[in-house]
Amino acid sequence: MSKHQYFQVDAFTSNVFSGNPAGVCSLDDWLPDDTLCKIAAENNLSETAFYVPRTNGFDLRWFTPEAEVDLCGHATLATAFVLYELKGFKGPRIQFHTRSGTLEVSPHKQGGYAMLFPSRKGELVEPEQALLEALGGVKPLEVLKSRDYMVVLENEAAVRAVYPDMRMLKLIDSLGVIVTAKGDKVDFVSRFFAPKVGVPEDPVTGSAHCTLTPYWSEKLGKVELTARQISQRGGEVMCHYRGSNVLLVGQARLYLEGVINVPGES
């Protein structure tokens, strides 16, 4: 049996019990993929991050309870928090080597951490009727698609009112579905649904803001935007549009620290 340090961190929030909880597992070397999947399923959080040190940073992977994903913001933020706050990392920035390329995270001057992520600008598409029905018959202003569908609604109240059919959403041709509108007190709000990978509604989704940020930057004529994901837990993201990249800033708080016991590994 092998033992591995494990942390649960609430990301994109300054308060425990809000934001998005992420698991962070420290490894000396990679465990088999099947074991990583089982750990993530056992944790039953929207994402568990696993990192392995290397000479020029850290390898980083993310798993939902059902699948590995190509990009995850809140679990990256949680991992950076663990490395800086709990593991004694001292560098000005961390380089994470991932399926989405090299991601850089650094402490932000106003608190929290800034993550340099790829911009994933959506393209306008004609919405599938099945998508709109899965979202309860919404009437969008626009629908765009990158990795995920992004459905733009009239106002924040309409986003809050969405009550999706998760069984229908599993059949939609994208990893997840973003629903968004201009915010009442922030620049824009959103919600994110990904039942296809075991995440019915994600509390706060960093990767979705890679698509949200370029859209709202162009719509509002701003490069720095305030965002709130209006899930039940809720969370805040500061977004900076940089063309081919977005800079996402958020805070994090430690909830749990422990040890995972993995059977069958020496």
Protein backbone atom coordinates (compact mmCIF):
# COMPACT_ATOMS: atom_id res chain seq x y z
CA MET A 1 0.00 0.00 0.00
CA SER A 2 1.28 3.46 -0.91
CA LYS A 3 0.43 6.71 0.86
CA HIS A 4 0.00 10.06 -0.87
CA GLN A 5 -0.61 13.51 0.57
CA TYR A 6 -4.08 14.82 -0.23
CA PHE A 7 -5.69 18.23 0.16
CA GLN A 8 -9.18 19.57 -0.45
CA VAL A 9 -9.21 23.24 -1.34
CA ASP A 10 -12.14 25.58 -1.99
CA ALA A 11 -11.18 27.57 -5.09
CA PHE A 12 -12.38 30.90 -6.48
CA THR A 13 -13.48 32.03 -3.06
CA SER A 14 -12.10 33.68 0.08
CA ASN A 15 -14.34 31.58 2.34
CA VAL A 16 -14.47 27.87 3.10
CA PHE A 17 -17.79 26.22 2.13
CA SER A 18 -18.13 28.34 -1.02
CA GLY A 19 -16.40 28.39 -4.37
CA ASN A 20 -15.51 25.07 -5.98
CA PRO A 21 -13.93 22.27 -3.90
CA ALA A 22 -11.04 20.53 -5.62
CA GLY A 23 -8.97 17.56 -4.58
CA VAL A 24 -5.21 17.89 -4.91
CA CYS A 25 -3.05 14.75 -4.71
CA SER A 26 0.74 14.94 -4.49
CA LEU A 27 2.62 12.14 -6.29
CA ASP A 28 6.31 11.30 -6.70
CA ASP A 29 5.53 9.48 -9.96
CA TRP A 30 2.42 8.65 -11.92
CA LEU A 31 0.10 5.93 -10.70
CA PRO A 32 -1.75 3.88 -13.33
CA ASP A 33 -4.54 5.80 -15.06
CA ASP A 34 -7.12 3.37 -13.71
CA THR A 35 -5.97 4.14 -10.16
CA LEU A 36 -6.18 7.89 -10.79
CA CYS A 37 -9.74 7.43 -12.07
CA LYS A 38 -10.67 5.41 -9.00
CA ILE A 39 -9.24 8.02 -6.63
CA ALA A 40 -11.19 10.78 -8.38
CA ALA A 41 -14.37 8.72 -8.25
CA GLU A 42 -13.80 8.00 -4.55
CA ASN A 43 -13.30 11.72 -3.84
CA ASN A 44 -16.52 12.47 -5.75
CA LEU A 45 -15.60 16.11 -6.37
CA SER A 46 -16.03 17.80 -9.72
CA GLU A 47 -12.25 17.58 -10.19
CA THR A 48 -9.25 15.96 -8.52
CA ALA A 49 -5.84 17.26 -9.61
CA PHE A 50 -2.73 15.08 -9.53
CA TYR A 51 0.74 16.61 -9.80
CA VAL A 52 4.24 15.18 -10.19
CA PRO A 53 7.40 17.34 -9.82
CA ARG A 54 9.78 17.65 -12.78
CA THR A 55 12.95 19.69 -13.35
CA ASN A 56 11.13 22.72 -14.82
CA GLY A 57 7.86 22.70 -12.95
CA PHE A 58 5.14 20.11 -12.43
CA ASP A 59 3.17 17.71 -14.56
CA LEU A 60 -0.53 18.23 -13.83
CA ARG A 61 -3.61 16.18 -14.73
CA TRP A 62 -7.29 16.57 -13.83
CA PHE A 63 -10.00 13.95 -13.37
CA THR A 64 -13.73 14.21 -12.81
CA PRO A 65 -15.45 11.24 -11.11
CA GLU A 66 -15.86 9.73 -14.58
CA ALA A 67 -13.16 11.02 -16.95
CA GLU A 68 -9.88 12.85 -17.47
CA VAL A 69 -10.35 16.37 -18.86
CA ASP A 70 -8.10 18.60 -20.95
CA LEU A 71 -8.29 21.75 -18.82
CA CYS A 72 -9.52 22.66 -15.33
CA GLY A 73 -9.19 26.08 -13.76
CA HIS A 74 -10.32 25.62 -10.17
CA ALA A 75 -8.18 22.50 -9.58
CA THR A 76 -5.16 24.30 -11.07
CA LEU A 77 -5.78 27.21 -8.71
CA ALA A 78 -6.12 24.75 -5.82
CA THR A 79 -2.85 23.03 -6.76
CA ALA A 80 -0.98 26.34 -6.92
CA PHE A 81 -2.41 27.26 -3.51
CA VAL A 82 -1.15 23.95 -2.07
CA LEU A 83 2.32 24.39 -3.54
CA TYR A 84 2.74 28.00 -2.41
CA GLU A 85 0.93 27.92 0.92
CA LEU A 86 1.55 24.39 2.18
CA LYS A 87 4.53 22.93 0.31
CA GLY A 88 6.89 25.92 0.48
CA PHE A 89 7.25 26.71 -3.21
CA LYS A 90 9.15 30.02 -3.49
CA GLY A 91 9.39 30.82 -7.19
CA PRO A 92 7.73 33.85 -8.81
CA ARG A 93 5.60 31.51 -10.93
CA ILE A 94 4.76 27.85 -11.30
CA GLN A 95 4.81 26.10 -14.66
CA PHE A 96 2.28 23.29 -15.00
CA HIS A 97 2.77 20.95 -17.96
CA THR A 98 -0.66 19.73 -19.05
CA ARG A 99 -2.73 18.39 -21.94
CA SER A 100 -3.50 22.04 -22.76
CA GLY A 101 0.16 23.04 -22.90
CA THR A 102 2.22 24.86 -20.30
CA LEU A 103 0.10 26.87 -17.86
CA GLU A 104 1.69 29.54 -15.64
CA VAL A 105 0.36 30.50 -12.21
CA SER A 106 1.77 33.25 -10.02
CA PRO A 107 0.77 35.14 -6.86
CA HIS A 108 -1.36 38.17 -7.70
CA LYS A 109 -0.58 41.60 -6.28
CA GLN A 110 -4.16 42.00 -5.02
CA GLY A 111 -4.22 38.57 -3.38
CA GLY A 112 -4.93 35.10 -4.68
CA TYR A 113 -3.30 33.67 -7.78
CA ALA A 114 -3.26 34.59 -11.46
CA MET A 115 -3.49 31.79 -14.03
CA LEU A 116 -2.45 32.29 -17.66
CA PHE A 117 -4.74 30.04 -19.71
CA PRO A 118 -5.41 29.65 -23.44
CA SER A 119 -8.24 31.73 -24.89
CA ARG A 120 -10.99 29.54 -26.35
CA LYS A 121 -13.12 31.93 -28.34
CA GLY A 122 -16.45 30.44 -29.36
CA GLU A 123 -17.89 30.51 -32.86
CA LEU A 124 -21.51 31.40 -33.52
CA VAL A 125 -23.61 28.35 -34.33
CA GLU A 126 -27.25 27.60 -35.04
CA PRO A 127 -28.53 26.09 -31.79
CA GLU A 128 -29.72 22.50 -31.81
CA GLN A 129 -33.32 22.23 -30.69
CA ALA A 130 -32.26 19.39 -28.39
CA LEU A 131 -29.83 21.73 -26.61
CA LEU A 132 -32.50 24.36 -25.99
CA GLU A 133 -34.97 21.73 -24.82
CA ALA A 134 -32.35 20.27 -22.47
CA LEU A 135 -32.04 23.73 -20.90
CA GLY A 136 -35.77 23.96 -20.28
CA GLY A 137 -36.78 25.67 -23.52
CA VAL A 138 -34.64 28.81 -23.13
CA LYS A 139 -34.68 31.50 -25.81
CA PRO A 140 -31.04 32.51 -26.33
CA LEU A 141 -29.73 35.74 -27.74
CA GLU A 142 -26.81 33.79 -29.23
CA VAL A 143 -25.25 30.33 -29.07
CA LEU A 144 -21.52 29.80 -29.57
CA LYS A 145 -19.31 26.74 -29.43
CA SER A 146 -15.68 26.05 -28.58
CA ARG A 147 -15.00 22.98 -26.42
CA ASP A 148 -18.35 23.70 -24.78
CA TYR A 149 -21.57 25.25 -25.97
CA MET A 150 -22.12 28.77 -24.64
CA VAL A 151 -25.75 29.89 -24.48
CA VAL A 152 -26.23 33.65 -24.00
CA LEU A 153 -29.46 34.68 -22.29
CA GLU A 154 -31.21 38.02 -21.83
CA ASN A 155 -30.33 38.71 -18.20
CA GLU A 156 -29.04 37.29 -14.92
CA ALA A 157 -32.50 36.26 -13.78
CA ALA A 158 -32.85 34.03 -16.86
CA VAL A 159 -29.54 32.32 -16.05
CA ARG A 160 -30.66 31.69 -12.47
CA ALA A 161 -33.96 30.24 -13.71
CA VAL A 162 -32.41 27.56 -15.95
CA TYR A 163 -33.40 24.06 -14.79
CA PRO A 164 -31.70 21.61 -17.16
CA ASP A 165 -32.61 18.04 -17.99
CA MET A 166 -29.31 16.28 -17.21
CA ARG A 167 -30.24 13.14 -19.15
CA MET A 168 -30.76 15.20 -22.29
CA LEU A 169 -27.59 17.23 -21.71
CA LYS A 170 -25.56 14.00 -21.68
CA LEU A 171 -26.50 13.55 -25.34
CA ILE A 172 -25.32 17.01 -26.46
CA ASP A 173 -22.22 17.09 -28.68
CA SER A 174 -19.86 18.94 -26.33
CA LEU A 175 -18.08 18.33 -23.04
CA GLY A 176 -20.25 20.86 -21.23
CA VAL A 177 -22.73 23.70 -21.59
CA ILE A 178 -22.21 27.27 -20.37
CA VAL A 179 -25.21 29.52 -19.74
CA THR A 180 -24.37 33.20 -19.37
CA ALA A 181 -25.72 36.76 -19.33
CA LYS A 182 -24.67 40.27 -18.42
CA GLY A 183 -24.56 40.56 -14.63
CA ASP A 184 -26.55 42.83 -12.35
CA LYS A 185 -23.59 43.65 -10.07
CA VAL A 186 -20.66 42.16 -12.01
CA ASP A 187 -19.79 42.29 -15.71
CA PHE A 188 -21.19 38.83 -16.43
CA VAL A 189 -22.57 35.76 -14.71
CA SER A 190 -22.61 32.12 -15.73
CA ARG A 191 -23.48 28.55 -14.86
CA PHE A 192 -21.86 25.38 -16.18
CA PHE A 193 -23.25 21.89 -16.70
CA ALA A 194 -21.22 18.79 -17.66
CA PRO A 195 -23.20 15.64 -16.78
CA LYS A 196 -21.43 13.79 -19.62
CA VAL A 197 -18.27 13.65 -17.44
CA GLY A 198 -20.03 13.23 -14.10
CA VAL A 199 -20.45 16.90 -13.17
CA PRO A 200 -24.16 17.86 -13.27
CA GLU A 201 -23.53 21.50 -12.26
CA ASP A 202 -20.02 22.70 -11.53
CA PRO A 203 -19.83 25.33 -8.75
CA VAL A 204 -17.14 27.51 -10.42
CA THR A 205 -15.50 26.62 -13.74
CA GLY A 206 -12.19 28.21 -14.68
CA SER A 207 -12.00 26.55 -18.11
CA ALA A 208 -15.42 27.96 -19.06
CA HIS A 209 -14.03 31.46 -18.51
CA CYS A 210 -11.54 30.80 -21.32
CA THR A 211 -14.59 31.09 -23.59
CA LEU A 212 -16.61 33.57 -21.54
CA THR A 213 -13.81 36.14 -21.25
CA PRO A 214 -13.21 36.86 -24.97
CA TYR A 215 -16.95 37.00 -25.63
CA TRP A 216 -17.79 39.47 -22.87
CA SER A 217 -14.63 41.48 -23.48
CA GLU A 218 -15.83 42.19 -27.01
CA LYS A 219 -19.46 42.74 -26.01
CA LEU A 220 -18.65 45.15 -23.17
CA GLY A 221 -15.55 46.77 -24.70
CA LYS A 222 -13.41 45.92 -21.66
CA VAL A 223 -10.25 43.85 -21.20
CA GLU A 224 -10.64 43.49 -17.42
CA LEU A 225 -13.90 41.99 -16.23
CA THR A 226 -15.51 40.83 -13.02
CA ALA A 227 -17.43 37.57 -13.14
CA ARG A 228 -19.52 35.47 -10.83
CA GLN A 229 -20.64 31.90 -11.32
CA ILE A 230 -24.09 31.77 -9.78
CA SER A 231 -24.25 28.14 -8.74
CA GLN A 232 -25.57 27.24 -5.30
CA ARG A 233 -22.08 27.66 -3.78
CA GLY A 234 -21.07 30.54 -6.04
CA GLY A 235 -17.65 31.99 -6.72
CA GLU A 236 -15.79 35.00 -8.13
CA VAL A 237 -13.33 35.20 -11.02
CA MET A 238 -11.38 38.24 -12.18
CA CYS A 239 -10.83 37.94 -15.94
CA HIS A 240 -8.28 39.71 -18.14
CA TYR A 241 -8.49 39.23 -21.93
CA ARG A 242 -5.10 39.03 -23.66
CA GLY A 243 -5.99 37.89 -27.15
CA SER A 244 -4.54 34.39 -27.43
CA ASN A 245 -4.66 34.03 -23.63
CA VAL A 246 -6.85 34.89 -20.69
CA LEU A 247 -5.60 35.70 -17.21
CA LEU A 248 -7.92 34.37 -14.51
CA VAL A 249 -7.46 35.52 -10.92
CA GLY A 250 -8.98 33.85 -7.90
CA GLN A 251 -8.48 33.09 -4.25
CA ALA A 252 -8.55 29.73 -2.45
CA ARG A 253 -8.90 28.34 1.05
CA LEU A 254 -7.80 25.03 2.60
CA TYR A 255 -10.59 22.79 3.87
CA LEU A 256 -8.95 19.39 4.41
CA GLU A 257 -5.48 17.86 4.65
CA GLY A 258 -4.83 14.13 4.85
CA VAL A 259 -3.38 10.98 3.33
CA ILE A 260 -4.75 8.71 0.62
CA ASN A 261 -4.00 5.00 1.05
CA VAL A 262 -3.71 3.27 -2.33
CA PRO A 263 -3.84 -0.52 -2.18
CA GLY A 264 -1.70 -2.66 -4.45
CA GLU A 265 1.07 -0.08 -4.85
CA SER A 266 4.49 -0.32 -3.25
